[in-house]
Protein backbone atom coordinates (compact mmCIF):
# COMPACT_ATOMS: atom_id res chain seq x y z
CA UNK A 1 105.94 108.77 87.15
CA UNK A 2 105.10 111.41 89.76
CA UNK A 3 105.73 111.09 93.49
CA UNK A 4 103.97 112.82 96.37
CA UNK A 5 104.60 112.90 100.10
CA UNK A 6 101.70 111.29 101.95
CA UNK A 7 101.04 111.71 105.66
CA UNK A 8 99.25 108.78 107.28
CA UNK A 9 97.97 109.06 110.83
CA UNK A 10 96.18 106.57 113.04
CA UNK A 11 93.11 107.72 114.98
CA UNK A 12 90.37 106.06 117.05
CA UNK A 13 88.51 104.89 113.95
CA UNK A 14 91.38 103.70 111.75
CA UNK A 15 93.75 105.64 109.51
CA UNK A 16 93.62 108.98 107.75
CA UNK A 17 95.94 110.02 104.90
CA UNK A 18 96.48 113.34 103.16
CA UNK A 19 98.77 114.79 100.51
CA UNK A 20 100.12 118.24 101.45
CA UNK A 21 100.91 119.14 97.82
CA UNK A 22 97.33 118.42 96.72
CA UNK A 23 94.88 120.55 98.66
CA UNK A 24 91.78 118.59 99.64
CA UNK A 25 93.32 115.20 98.84
CA UNK A 26 92.33 112.96 101.79
CA UNK A 27 91.45 109.29 102.34
CA UNK A 28 90.44 107.02 105.21
CA UNK A 29 90.77 103.31 105.90
CA UNK A 30 90.37 100.75 108.65
CA UNK A 31 93.94 99.47 108.17
CA UNK A 32 97.23 101.00 107.02
CA UNK A 33 97.09 98.95 103.83
CA UNK A 34 93.53 100.09 103.10
CA UNK A 35 94.26 103.78 103.60
CA UNK A 36 97.39 103.45 101.46
CA UNK A 37 95.40 101.98 98.56
CA UNK A 38 92.60 104.53 99.06
CA UNK A 39 94.98 107.51 98.96
CA UNK A 40 96.56 106.16 95.75
CA UNK A 41 93.11 106.08 94.14
CA UNK A 42 92.27 109.57 95.42
CA UNK A 43 95.58 110.96 94.10
CA UNK A 44 94.88 109.49 90.65
CA UNK A 45 91.40 111.06 90.58
CA UNK A 46 92.73 114.37 91.86
CA UNK A 47 95.42 114.46 89.15
CA UNK A 48 92.87 113.62 86.45
CA UNK A 49 90.80 116.63 87.55
CA UNK A 50 93.87 118.88 87.56
CA UNK A 51 94.85 117.81 84.04
CA UNK A 52 91.28 118.18 82.72
CA UNK A 53 91.20 121.75 83.98
CA UNK A 54 94.49 122.53 82.23
CA UNK A 55 96.44 123.19 85.41
CA UNK A 56 100.00 122.05 86.04
CA UNK A 57 100.54 119.07 88.32
CA UNK A 58 102.09 120.32 91.57
CA UNK A 59 105.62 119.21 92.42
CA UNK A 60 106.30 117.08 95.47
CA UNK A 61 106.96 119.18 98.54
CA UNK A 62 109.69 118.31 100.99
CA UNK A 63 108.13 117.46 104.34
CA UNK A 64 109.83 117.78 107.70
CA UNK A 65 108.27 115.79 110.51
CA UNK A 66 109.19 116.54 114.09
CA UNK A 67 107.66 116.65 117.54
CA UNK A 68 107.09 119.60 119.82
CA UNK A 69 106.86 119.24 123.58
CA UNK A 70 104.31 121.52 125.24
CA UNK A 71 103.81 121.95 128.98
CA UNK A 72 100.13 122.05 129.95
């Protein structure tokens, strides 16, 4: 079993998810549950493509999430 960090953000139109370790691996959904299931499917497809091309599956990257305050 392989694990990946997934970042899920809410926007005006629903939710967007991406996987930092897998460049170009994005999904959208109207609800959190939908985007979570969609990103799982996208990760599976992305990994299938990586394996078919003979590349190594990337390792999970450690993610640090913080906030930055900016004066405007």
